[in-house]
Amino acid sequence: GFYNEVPCVIAVARENVRSMRREAQTLRRLQGCAHINRLIAFEERAGEQCLILQRVEPLGHDLVEAVLQQQHSGRSMPLGQLRHYMLQLARACEEMRSRGVVHRDLKPE
């Protein structure tokens, strides 16, 4: 979808609203970090909470796509490609850590 003409991803919570509010606070602290989706808005209305994140189009392909291609081919991922992904992940984790955030739910997408 779009929010104020910016491509976005919207996460909605009707339960566990404290967790969603905490997620929004954490994302505010991480504004400007590389490899981390930017929080556009956090809205609360009618018993729902919405996190609105900027949608980032992958350059080339994303990690999920790469892993699925490798699984389908039956071959291991080339070491150089694996290193590329792991360095991006390590840099993002280091930047989060430098801002006092430890991520406990890393996903490949």
PDB file of N, CA and C in Angstrom:
ATOM      1  N   GLY A   1       0.798  -1.174   0.000  1.00  0.00           N
ATOM      2  CA  GLY A   1       0.000   0.000   0.000  1.00  0.00           C
ATOM      3  C   GLY A   1       0.858   1.262   0.000  1.00  0.00           C
ATOM      4  N   PHE A   2       0.173   2.371   0.180  1.00  0.00           N
ATOM      5  CA  PHE A   2       0.834   3.670   0.219  1.00  0.00           C
ATOM      6  C   PHE A   2       0.321   4.469   1.407  1.00  0.00           C
ATOM      7  N   TYR A   3       1.161   5.305   1.972  1.00  0.00           N
ATOM      8  CA  TYR A   3       0.816   6.215   3.058  1.00  0.00           C
ATOM      9  C   TYR A   3       1.423   7.561   2.689  1.00  0.00           C
ATOM     10  N   ASN A   4       0.584   8.551   2.459  1.00  0.00           N
ATOM     11  CA  ASN A   4       1.054   9.865   1.989  1.00  0.00           C
ATOM     12  C   ASN A   4       1.960   9.718   0.772  1.00  0.00           C
ATOM     13  N   GLU A   5       1.547   8.850  -0.147  1.00  0.00           N
ATOM     14  CA  GLU A   5       2.244   8.602  -1.410  1.00  0.00           C
ATOM     15  C   GLU A   5       3.603   7.908  -1.254  1.00  0.00           C
ATOM     16  N   VAL A   6       3.893   7.382  -0.074  1.00  0.00           N
ATOM     17  CA  VAL A   6       5.139   6.634   0.164  1.00  0.00           C
ATOM     18  C   VAL A   6       4.783   5.147   0.178  1.00  0.00           C
ATOM     19  N   PRO A   7       5.506   4.308  -0.605  1.00  0.00           N
ATOM     20  CA  PRO A   7       5.233   2.865  -0.553  1.00  0.00           C
ATOM     21  C   PRO A   7       5.469   2.342   0.864  1.00  0.00           C
ATOM     22  N   CYS A   8       4.531   1.558   1.365  1.00  0.00           N
ATOM     23  CA  CYS A   8       4.663   1.128   2.756  1.00  0.00           C
ATOM     24  C   CYS A   8       4.154  -0.295   2.970  1.00  0.00           C
ATOM     25  N   VAL A   9       4.486  -0.790   4.156  1.00  0.00           N
ATOM     26  CA  VAL A   9       3.996  -2.058   4.667  1.00  0.00           C
ATOM     27  C   VAL A   9       3.288  -1.719   5.970  1.00  0.00           C
ATOM     28  N   ILE A  10       2.118  -2.272   6.180  1.00  0.00           N
ATOM     29  CA  ILE A  10       1.340  -1.947   7.371  1.00  0.00           C
ATOM     30  C   ILE A  10       1.168  -3.201   8.217  1.00  0.00           C
ATOM     31  N   ALA A  11       1.496  -3.091   9.495  1.00  0.00           N
ATOM     32  CA  ALA A  11       1.279  -4.174  10.456  1.00  0.00           C
ATOM     33  C   ALA A  11       0.189  -3.706  11.415  1.00  0.00           C
ATOM     34  N   VAL A  12      -0.836  -4.530  11.609  1.00  0.00           N
ATOM     35  CA  VAL A  12      -1.966  -4.167  12.457  1.00  0.00           C
ATOM     36  C   VAL A  12      -2.036  -5.135  13.632  1.00  0.00           C
ATOM     37  N   ALA A  13      -2.291  -4.582  14.832  1.00  0.00           N
ATOM     38  CA  ALA A  13      -2.452  -5.417  16.025  1.00  0.00           C
ATOM     39  C   ALA A  13      -3.771  -5.067  16.709  1.00  0.00           C
ATOM     40  N   ARG A  14      -4.514  -6.085  17.055  1.00  0.00           N
ATOM     41  CA  ARG A  14      -5.734  -5.890  17.838  1.00  0.00           C
ATOM     42  C   ARG A  14      -5.517  -6.419  19.256  1.00  0.00           C
ATOM     43  N   GLU A  15      -4.521  -7.267  19.400  1.00  0.00           N
ATOM     44  CA  GLU A  15      -4.153  -7.827  20.699  1.00  0.00           C
ATOM     45  C   GLU A  15      -2.678  -7.523  20.924  1.00  0.00           C
ATOM     46  N   ASN A  16      -2.227  -7.690  22.148  1.00  0.00           N
ATOM     47  CA  ASN A  16      -0.817  -7.466  22.475  1.00  0.00           C
ATOM     48  C   ASN A  16      -0.369  -6.059  22.058  1.00  0.00           C
ATOM     49  N   VAL A  17      -1.189  -5.065  22.402  1.00  0.00           N
ATOM     50  CA  VAL A  17      -0.915  -3.691  21.980  1.00  0.00           C
ATOM     51  C   VAL A  17       0.330  -3.114  22.639  1.00  0.00           C
ATOM     52  N   ARG A  18       0.675  -3.562  23.844  1.00  0.00           N
ATOM     53  CA  ARG A  18       1.912  -3.079  24.481  1.00  0.00           C
ATOM     54  C   ARG A  18       3.125  -3.456  23.658  1.00  0.00           C
ATOM     55  N   SER A  19       3.112  -4.656  23.105  1.00  0.00           N
ATOM     56  CA  SER A  19       4.217  -5.112  22.273  1.00  0.00           C
ATOM     57  C   SER A  19       4.348  -4.246  21.022  1.00  0.00           C
ATOM     58  N   MET A  20       3.243  -3.910  20.388  1.00  0.00           N
ATOM     59  CA  MET A  20       3.263  -3.079  19.184  1.00  0.00           C
ATOM     60  C   MET A  20       3.766  -1.669  19.515  1.00  0.00           C
ATOM     61  N   ARG A  21       3.329  -1.131  20.632  1.00  0.00           N
ATOM     62  CA  ARG A  21       3.782   0.203  21.062  1.00  0.00           C
ATOM     63  C   ARG A  21       5.285   0.185  21.319  1.00  0.00           C
ATOM     64  N   ARG A  22       5.777  -0.870  21.951  1.00  0.00           N
ATOM     65  CA  ARG A  22       7.212  -1.013  22.232  1.00  0.00           C
ATOM     66  C   ARG A  22       8.006  -1.122  20.928  1.00  0.00           C
ATOM     67  N   GLU A  23       7.453  -1.857  19.957  1.00  0.00           N
ATOM     68  CA  GLU A  23       8.091  -1.983  18.640  1.00  0.00           C
ATOM     69  C   GLU A  23       8.217  -0.612  17.974  1.00  0.00           C
ATOM     70  N   ALA A  24       7.168   0.197  18.065  1.00  0.00           N
ATOM     71  CA  ALA A  24       7.207   1.545  17.481  1.00  0.00           C
ATOM     72  C   ALA A  24       8.279   2.400  18.161  1.00  0.00           C
ATOM     73  N   GLN A  25       8.387   2.318  19.473  1.00  0.00           N
ATOM     74  CA  GLN A  25       9.413   3.081  20.198  1.00  0.00           C
ATOM     75  C   GLN A  25      10.815   2.656  19.764  1.00  0.00           C
ATOM     76  N   THR A  26      11.002   1.358  19.610  1.00  0.00           N
ATOM     77  CA  THR A  26      12.309   0.849  19.177  1.00  0.00           C
ATOM     78  C   THR A  26      12.628   1.330  17.765  1.00  0.00           C
ATOM     79  N   LEU A  27      11.661   1.253  16.873  1.00  0.00           N
ATOM     80  CA  LEU A  27      11.887   1.705  15.498  1.00  0.00           C
ATOM     81  C   LEU A  27      12.212   3.197  15.440  1.00  0.00           C
ATOM     82  N   ARG A  28      11.614   3.992  16.314  1.00  0.00           N
ATOM     83  CA  ARG A  28      11.953   5.427  16.361  1.00  0.00           C
ATOM     84  C   ARG A  28      13.428   5.621  16.720  1.00  0.00           C
ATOM     85  N   ARG A  29      13.925   4.797  17.655  1.00  0.00           N
ATOM     86  CA  ARG A  29      15.339   4.892  18.049  1.00  0.00           C
ATOM     87  C   ARG A  29      16.268   4.484  16.914  1.00  0.00           C
ATOM     88  N   LEU A  30      15.776   3.665  15.999  1.00  0.00           N
ATOM     89  CA  LEU A  30      16.610   3.149  14.911  1.00  0.00           C
ATOM     90  C   LEU A  30      16.454   3.933  13.611  1.00  0.00           C
ATOM     91  N   GLN A  31      15.735   5.063  13.645  1.00  0.00           N
ATOM     92  CA  GLN A  31      15.570   5.862  12.433  1.00  0.00           C
ATOM     93  C   GLN A  31      16.939   6.205  11.859  1.00  0.00           C
ATOM     94  N   GLY A  32      17.093   6.022  10.569  1.00  0.00           N
ATOM     95  CA  GLY A  32      18.352   6.349   9.900  1.00  0.00           C
ATOM     96  C   GLY A  32      19.355   5.209   9.832  1.00  0.00           C
ATOM     97  N   CYS A  33      19.063   4.082  10.466  1.00  0.00           N
ATOM     98  CA  CYS A  33      19.972   2.937  10.404  1.00  0.00           C
ATOM     99  C   CYS A  33      19.865   2.278   9.024  1.00  0.00           C
ATOM    100  N   ALA A  34      21.008   1.909   8.498  1.00  0.00           N
ATOM    101  CA  ALA A  34      21.020   1.176   7.224  1.00  0.00           C
ATOM    102  C   ALA A  34      20.411  -0.209   7.440  1.00  0.00           C
ATOM    103  N   HIS A  35      19.782  -0.754   6.434  1.00  0.00           N
ATOM    104  CA  HIS A  35      19.229  -2.110   6.435  1.00  0.00           C
ATOM    105  C   HIS A  35      18.027  -2.281   7.362  1.00  0.00           C
ATOM    106  N   ILE A  36      17.458  -1.185   7.871  1.00  0.00           N
ATOM    107  CA  ILE A  36      16.321  -1.289   8.774  1.00  0.00           C
ATOM    108  C   ILE A  36      15.196  -0.435   8.213  1.00  0.00           C
ATOM    109  N   ASN A  37      14.021  -1.036   8.047  1.00  0.00           N
ATOM    110  CA  ASN A  37      12.885  -0.290   7.496  1.00  0.00           C
ATOM    111  C   ASN A  37      12.584   0.930   8.351  1.00  0.00           C
ATOM    112  N   ARG A  38      12.267   2.041   7.679  1.00  0.00           N
ATOM    113  CA  ARG A  38      11.973   3.305   8.359  1.00  0.00           C
ATOM    114  C   ARG A  38      10.515   3.323   8.818  1.00  0.00           C
ATOM    115  N   LEU A  39      10.314   3.719  10.079  1.00  0.00           N
ATOM    116  CA  LEU A  39       8.970   3.887  10.605  1.00  0.00           C
ATOM    117  C   LEU A  39       8.396   5.182  10.047  1.00  0.00           C
ATOM    118  N   ILE A  40       7.286   5.086   9.341  1.00  0.00           N
ATOM    119  CA  ILE A  40       6.624   6.275   8.796  1.00  0.00           C
ATOM    120  C   ILE A  40       5.645   6.827   9.826  1.00  0.00           C
ATOM    121  N   ALA A  41       4.867   5.932  10.447  1.00  0.00           N
ATOM    122  CA  ALA A  41       3.871   6.382  11.418  1.00  0.00           C
ATOM    123  C   ALA A  41       3.468   5.229  12.326  1.00  0.00           C
ATOM    124  N   PHE A  42       2.950   5.604  13.476  1.00  0.00           N
ATOM    125  CA  PHE A  42       2.343   4.650  14.399  1.00  0.00           C
ATOM    126  C   PHE A  42       0.997   5.246  14.769  1.00  0.00           C
ATOM    127  N   GLU A  43      -0.072   4.524  14.487  1.00  0.00           N
ATOM    128  CA  GLU A  43      -1.415   5.046  14.718  1.00  0.00           C
ATOM    129  C   GLU A  43      -2.199   4.100  15.608  1.00  0.00           C
ATOM    130  N   GLU A  44      -2.981   4.710  16.474  1.00  0.00           N
ATOM    131  CA  GLU A  44      -3.886   3.954  17.338  1.00  0.00           C
ATOM    132  C   GLU A  44      -5.294   4.479  17.113  1.00  0.00           C
ATOM    133  N   ARG A  45      -6.213   3.549  16.809  1.00  0.00           N
ATOM    134  CA  ARG A  45      -7.606   3.956  16.642  1.00  0.00           C
ATOM    135  C   ARG A  45      -8.530   2.752  16.760  1.00  0.00           C
ATOM    136  N   ALA A  46      -9.653   2.988  17.361  1.00  0.00           N
ATOM    137  CA  ALA A  46     -10.726   1.979  17.459  1.00  0.00           C
ATOM    138  C   ALA A  46     -10.218   0.611  17.895  1.00  0.00           C
ATOM    139  N   GLY A  47      -9.377   0.562  18.916  1.00  0.00           N
ATOM    140  CA  GLY A  47      -8.892  -0.710  19.436  1.00  0.00           C
ATOM    141  C   GLY A  47      -7.829  -1.380  18.602  1.00  0.00           C
ATOM    142  N   GLU A  48      -7.326  -0.696  17.582  1.00  0.00           N
ATOM    143  CA  GLU A  48      -6.264  -1.243  16.731  1.00  0.00           C
ATOM    144  C   GLU A  48      -5.037  -0.348  16.798  1.00  0.00           C
ATOM    145  N   GLN A  49      -3.896  -0.954  16.592  1.00  0.00           N
ATOM    146  CA  GLN A  49      -2.644  -0.216  16.454  1.00  0.00           C
ATOM    147  C   GLN A  49      -2.022  -0.589  15.122  1.00  0.00           C
ATOM    148  N   CYS A  50      -1.490   0.405  14.445  1.00  0.00           N
ATOM    149  CA  CYS A  50      -0.886   0.177  13.134  1.00  0.00           C
ATOM    150  C   CYS A  50       0.531   0.712  13.102  1.00  0.00           C
ATOM    151  N   LEU A  51       1.465  -0.139  12.727  1.00  0.00           N
ATOM    152  CA  LEU A  51       2.830   0.283  12.413  1.00  0.00           C
ATOM    153  C   LEU A  51       2.870   0.454  10.906  1.00  0.00           C
ATOM    154  N   ILE A  52       3.311   1.603  10.454  1.00  0.00           N
ATOM    155  CA  ILE A  52       3.409   1.854   9.026  1.00  0.00           C
ATOM    156  C   ILE A  52       4.885   2.046   8.703  1.00  0.00           C
ATOM    157  N   LEU A  53       5.452   1.096   7.962  1.00  0.00           N
ATOM    158  CA  LEU A  53       6.870   1.082   7.640  1.00  0.00           C
ATOM    159  C   LEU A  53       7.081   1.342   6.160  1.00  0.00           C
ATOM    160  N   GLN A  54       8.163   2.039   5.844  1.00  0.00           N
ATOM    161  CA  GLN A  54       8.490   2.256   4.439  1.00  0.00           C
ATOM    162  C   GLN A  54       8.827   0.923   3.799  1.00  0.00           C
ATOM    163  N   ARG A  55       8.226   0.671   2.654  1.00  0.00           N
ATOM    164  CA  ARG A  55       8.528  -0.562   1.914  1.00  0.00           C
ATOM    165  C   ARG A  55       9.813  -0.345   1.132  1.00  0.00           C
ATOM    166  N   VAL A  56      10.725  -1.263   1.269  1.00  0.00           N
ATOM    167  CA  VAL A  56      12.006  -1.178   0.583  1.00  0.00           C
ATOM    168  C   VAL A  56      12.066  -2.296  -0.441  1.00  0.00           C
ATOM    169  N   GLU A  57      12.260  -1.924  -1.675  1.00  0.00           N
ATOM    170  CA  GLU A  57      12.386  -2.924  -2.732  1.00  0.00           C
ATOM    171  C   GLU A  57      13.818  -3.459  -2.714  1.00  0.00           C
ATOM    172  N   PRO A  58      13.987  -4.770  -2.739  1.00  0.00           N
ATOM    173  CA  PRO A  58      15.336  -5.331  -2.725  1.00  0.00           C
ATOM    174  C   PRO A  58      16.093  -4.992  -4.006  1.00  0.00           C
ATOM    175  N   LEU A  59      17.388  -4.822  -3.856  1.00  0.00           N
ATOM    176  CA  LEU A  59      18.249  -4.621  -5.018  1.00  0.00           C
ATOM    177  C   LEU A  59      18.607  -6.000  -5.550  1.00  0.00           C
ATOM    178  N   GLY A  60      18.134  -6.311  -6.726  1.00  0.00           N
ATOM    179  CA  GLY A  60      18.380  -7.649  -7.270  1.00  0.00           C
ATOM    180  C   GLY A  60      17.365  -8.620  -6.700  1.00  0.00           C
ATOM    181  N   HIS A  61      17.723  -9.310  -5.622  1.00  0.00           N
ATOM    182  CA  HIS A  61      16.797 -10.234  -4.970  1.00  0.00           C
ATOM    183  C   HIS A  61      17.054 -10.201  -3.469  1.00  0.00           C
ATOM    184  N   ASP A  62      16.070 -10.634  -2.706  1.00  0.00           N
ATOM    185  CA  ASP A  62      16.238 -10.635  -1.262  1.00  0.00           C
ATOM    186  C   ASP A  62      16.734 -11.995  -0.776  1.00  0.00           C
ATOM    187  N   LEU A  63      17.005 -12.066   0.504  1.00  0.00           N
ATOM    188  CA  LEU A  63      17.591 -13.277   1.072  1.00  0.00           C
ATOM    189  C   LEU A  63      16.654 -14.473   0.962  1.00  0.00           C
ATOM    190  N   VAL A  64      15.371 -14.268   1.187  1.00  0.00           N
ATOM    191  CA  VAL A  64      14.420 -15.380   1.076  1.00  0.00           C
ATOM    192  C   VAL A  64      14.476 -15.968  -0.330  1.00  0.00           C
ATOM    193  N   GLU A  65      14.456 -15.088  -1.314  1.00  0.00           N
ATOM    194  CA  GLU A  65      14.518 -15.536  -2.712  1.00  0.00           C
ATOM    195  C   GLU A  65      15.810 -16.311  -2.980  1.00  0.00           C
ATOM    196  N   ALA A  66      16.927 -15.791  -2.484  1.00  0.00           N
ATOM    197  CA  ALA A  66      18.220 -16.453  -2.702  1.00  0.00           C
ATOM    198  C   ALA A  66      18.263 -17.827  -2.052  1.00  0.00           C
ATOM    199  N   VAL A  67      17.763 -17.933  -0.826  1.00  0.00           N
ATOM    200  CA  VAL A  67      17.770 -19.220  -0.116  1.00  0.00           C
ATOM    201  C   VAL A  67      16.866 -20.224  -0.830  1.00  0.00           C
ATOM    202  N   LEU A  68      15.692 -19.783  -1.262  1.00  0.00           N
ATOM    203  CA  LEU A  68      14.777 -20.687  -1.971  1.00  0.00           C
ATOM    204  C   LEU A  68      15.380 -21.177  -3.289  1.00  0.00           C
ATOM    205  N   GLN A  69      16.065 -20.289  -4.000  1.00  0.00           N
ATOM    206  CA  GLN A  69      16.723 -20.695  -5.243  1.00  0.00           C
ATOM    207  C   GLN A  69      17.795 -21.746  -4.971  1.00  0.00           C
ATOM    208  N   GLN A  70      18.567 -21.544  -3.927  1.00  0.00           N
ATOM    209  CA  GLN A  70      19.624 -22.503  -3.595  1.00  0.00           C
ATOM    210  C   GLN A  70      19.033 -23.843  -3.190  1.00  0.00           C
ATOM    211  N   GLN A  71      17.982 -23.819  -2.379  1.00  0.00           N
ATOM    212  CA  GLN A  71      17.340 -25.070  -1.969  1.00  0.00           C
ATOM    213  C   GLN A  71      16.798 -25.817  -3.172  1.00  0.00           C
ATOM    214  N   HIS A  72      16.178 -25.086  -4.070  1.00  0.00           N
ATOM    215  CA  HIS A  72      15.594 -25.703  -5.257  1.00  0.00           C
ATOM    216  C   HIS A  72      16.668 -26.311  -6.165  1.00  0.00           C
ATOM    217  N   SER A  73      17.836 -25.663  -6.219  1.00  0.00           N
ATOM    218  CA  SER A  73      18.907 -26.160  -7.088  1.00  0.00           C
ATOM    219  C   SER A  73      19.633 -27.357  -6.473  1.00  0.00           C
ATOM    220  N   GLY A  74      19.491 -27.530  -5.146  1.00  0.00           N
ATOM    221  CA  GLY A  74      20.181 -28.628  -4.476  1.00  0.00           C
ATOM    222  C   GLY A  74      21.649 -28.350  -4.202  1.00  0.00           C
ATOM    223  N   ARG A  75      22.096 -27.122  -4.482  1.00  0.00           N
ATOM    224  CA  ARG A  75      23.500 -26.756  -4.245  1.00  0.00           C
ATOM    225  C   ARG A  75      23.593 -25.831  -3.036  1.00  0.00           C
ATOM    226  N   SER A  76      24.773 -25.780  -2.455  1.00  0.00           N
ATOM    227  CA  SER A  76      25.041 -24.844  -1.361  1.00  0.00           C
ATOM    228  C   SER A  76      25.175 -23.440  -1.923  1.00  0.00           C
ATOM    229  N   MET A  77      24.867 -22.456  -1.095  1.00  0.00           N
ATOM    230  CA  MET A  77      25.035 -21.072  -1.510  1.00  0.00           C
ATOM    231  C   MET A  77      26.527 -20.775  -1.633  1.00  0.00           C
ATOM    232  N   PRO A  78      26.943 -20.106  -2.702  1.00  0.00           N
ATOM    233  CA  PRO A  78      28.363 -19.768  -2.849  1.00  0.00           C
ATOM    234  C   PRO A  78      28.850 -18.937  -1.658  1.00  0.00           C
ATOM    235  N   LEU A  79      30.057 -19.212  -1.222  1.00  0.00           N
ATOM    236  CA  LEU A  79      30.611 -18.558  -0.037  1.00  0.00           C
ATOM    237  C   LEU A  79      30.602 -17.034  -0.161  1.00  0.00           C
ATOM    238  N   GLY A  80      30.922 -16.500  -1.327  1.00  0.00           N
ATOM    239  CA  GLY A  80      30.931 -15.045  -1.517  1.00  0.00           C
ATOM    240  C   GLY A  80      29.557 -14.432  -1.322  1.00  0.00           C
ATOM    241  N   GLN A  81      28.533 -15.116  -1.818  1.00  0.00           N
ATOM    242  CA  GLN A  81      27.163 -14.622  -1.671  1.00  0.00           C
ATOM    243  C   GLN A  81      26.724 -14.702  -0.208  1.00  0.00           C
ATOM    244  N   LEU A  82      27.049 -15.806   0.446  1.00  0.00           N
ATOM    245  CA  LEU A  82      26.725 -15.965   1.857  1.00  0.00           C
ATOM    246  C   LEU A  82      27.413 -14.880   2.686  1.00  0.00           C
ATOM    247  N   ARG A  83      28.676 -14.623   2.392  1.00  0.00           N
ATOM    248  CA  ARG A  83      29.437 -13.581   3.097  1.00  0.00           C
ATOM    249  C   ARG A  83      28.770 -12.217   2.914  1.00  0.00           C
ATOM    250  N   HIS A  84      28.337 -11.917   1.706  1.00  0.00           N
ATOM    251  CA  HIS A  84      27.665 -10.646   1.411  1.00  0.00           C
ATOM    252  C   HIS A  84      26.446 -10.454   2.320  1.00  0.00           C
ATOM    253  N   TYR A  85      25.596 -11.475   2.409  1.00  0.00           N
ATOM    254  CA  TYR A  85      24.395 -11.385   3.239  1.00  0.00           C
ATOM    255  C   TYR A  85      24.741 -11.290   4.722  1.00  0.00           C
ATOM    256  N   MET A  86      25.689 -12.078   5.163  1.00  0.00           N
ATOM    257  CA  MET A  86      26.045 -12.078   6.584  1.00  0.00           C
ATOM    258  C   MET A  86      26.679 -10.752   7.014  1.00  0.00           C
ATOM    259  N   LEU A  87      27.468 -10.122   6.126  1.00  0.00           N
ATOM    260  CA  LEU A  87      28.046  -8.814   6.450  1.00  0.00           C
ATOM    261  C   LEU A  87      26.958  -7.756   6.592  1.00  0.00           C
ATOM    262  N   GLN A  88      25.952  -7.782   5.724  1.00  0.00           N
ATOM    263  CA  GLN A  88      24.844  -6.836   5.857  1.00  0.00           C
ATOM    264  C   GLN A  88      24.122  -7.035   7.184  1.00  0.00           C
ATOM    265  N   LEU A  89      23.873  -8.285   7.517  1.00  0.00           N
ATOM    266  CA  LEU A  89      23.199  -8.604   8.770  1.00  0.00           C
ATOM    267  C   LEU A  89      24.031  -8.158   9.970  1.00  0.00           C
ATOM    268  N   ALA A  90      25.328  -8.448   9.952  1.00  0.00           N
ATOM    269  CA  ALA A  90      26.204  -8.059  11.061  1.00  0.00           C
ATOM    270  C   ALA A  90      26.260  -6.542  11.215  1.00  0.00           C
ATOM    271  N   ARG A  91      26.320  -5.819  10.105  1.00  0.00           N
ATOM    272  CA  ARG A  91      26.353  -4.345  10.177  1.00  0.00           C
ATOM    273  C   ARG A  91      25.067  -3.797  10.769  1.00  0.00           C
ATOM    274  N   ALA A  92      23.943  -4.347  10.346  1.00  0.00           N
ATOM    275  CA  ALA A  92      22.659  -3.894  10.891  1.00  0.00           C
ATOM    276  C   ALA A  92      22.568  -4.193  12.386  1.00  0.00           C
ATOM    277  N   CYS A  93      22.996  -5.385  12.796  1.00  0.00           N
ATOM    278  CA  CYS A  93      22.966  -5.751  14.221  1.00  0.00           C
ATOM    279  C   CYS A  93      23.892  -4.849  15.035  1.00  0.00           C
ATOM    280  N   GLU A  94      25.050  -4.534  14.504  1.00  0.00           N
ATOM    281  CA  GLU A  94      25.984  -3.657  15.200  1.00  0.00           C
ATOM    282  C   GLU A  94      25.406  -2.258  15.347  1.00  0.00           C
ATOM    283  N   GLU A  95      24.770  -1.755  14.302  1.00  0.00           N
ATOM    284  CA  GLU A  95      24.162  -0.429  14.386  1.00  0.00           C
ATOM    285  C   GLU A  95      23.025  -0.419  15.409  1.00  0.00           C
ATOM    286  N   MET A  96      22.230  -1.483  15.437  1.00  0.00           N
ATOM    287  CA  MET A  96      21.173  -1.574  16.440  1.00  0.00           C
ATOM    288  C   MET A  96      21.779  -1.612  17.841  1.00  0.00           C
ATOM    289  N   ARG A  97      22.801  -2.435  18.019  1.00  0.00           N
ATOM    290  CA  ARG A  97      23.433  -2.558  19.328  1.00  0.00           C
ATOM    291  C   ARG A  97      23.996  -1.220  19.797  1.00  0.00           C
ATOM    292  N   SER A  98      24.570  -0.447  18.868  1.00  0.00           N
ATOM    293  CA  SER A  98      25.142   0.850  19.235  1.00  0.00           C
ATOM    294  C   SER A  98      24.063   1.825  19.716  1.00  0.00           C
ATOM    295  N   ARG A  99      22.803   1.531  19.396  1.00  0.00           N
ATOM    296  CA  ARG A  99      21.686   2.368  19.843  1.00  0.00           C
ATOM    297  C   ARG A  99      20.902   1.695  20.970  1.00  0.00           C
ATOM    298  N   GLY A 100      21.496   0.643  21.541  1.00  0.00           N
ATOM    299  CA  GLY A 100      20.897  -0.007  22.698  1.00  0.00           C
ATOM    300  C   GLY A 100      19.791  -0.997  22.389  1.00  0.00           C
ATOM    301  N   VAL A 101      19.767  -1.524  21.170  1.00  0.00           N
ATOM    302  CA  VAL A 101      18.711  -2.466  20.768  1.00  0.00           C
ATOM    303  C   VAL A 101      19.340  -3.811  20.424  1.00  0.00           C
ATOM    304  N   VAL A 102      18.776  -4.869  21.008  1.00  0.00           N
ATOM    305  CA  VAL A 102      19.182  -6.229  20.665  1.00  0.00           C
ATOM    306  C   VAL A 102      17.995  -6.874  19.973  1.00  0.00           C
ATOM    307  N   HIS A 103      18.180  -7.295  18.736  1.00  0.00           N
ATOM    308  CA  HIS A 103      17.089  -7.895  17.959  1.00  0.00           C
ATOM    309  C   HIS A 103      16.993  -9.371  18.298  1.00  0.00           C
ATOM    310  N   ARG A 104      15.773  -9.807  18.640  1.00  0.00           N
ATOM    311  CA  ARG A 104      15.585 -11.210  19.013  1.00  0.00           C
ATOM    312  C   ARG A 104      14.745 -11.975  18.013  1.00  0.00           C
ATOM    313  N   ASP A 105      14.451 -11.352  16.870  1.00  0.00           N
ATOM    314  CA  ASP A 105      13.547 -11.987  15.921  1.00  0.00           C
ATOM    315  C   ASP A 105      13.981 -11.668  14.490  1.00  0.00           C
ATOM    316  N   LEU A 106      15.195 -12.033  14.138  1.00  0.00           N
ATOM    317  CA  LEU A 106      15.703 -11.738  12.798  1.00  0.00           C
ATOM    318  C   LEU A 106      15.012 -12.643  11.776  1.00  0.00           C
ATOM    319  N   LYS A 107      14.623 -12.013  10.642  1.00  0.00           N
ATOM    320  CA  LYS A 107      13.965 -12.754   9.564  1.00  0.00           C
ATOM    321  C   LYS A 107      14.701 -12.445   8.257  1.00  0.00           C
ATOM    322  N   PRO A 108      14.696 -13.383   7.339  1.00  0.00           N
ATOM    323  CA  PRO A 108      15.441 -13.166   6.095  1.00  0.00           C
ATOM    324  C   PRO A 108      14.781 -12.211   5.099  1.00  0.00           C
ATOM    325  N   GLU A 109      13.541 -11.822   5.308  1.00  0.00           N
ATOM    326  CA  GLU A 109      12.900 -10.970   4.309  1.00  0.00           C
ATOM    327  C   GLU A 109      13.218  -9.503   4.461  1.00  0.00           C
TER     328      GLU A 109
END
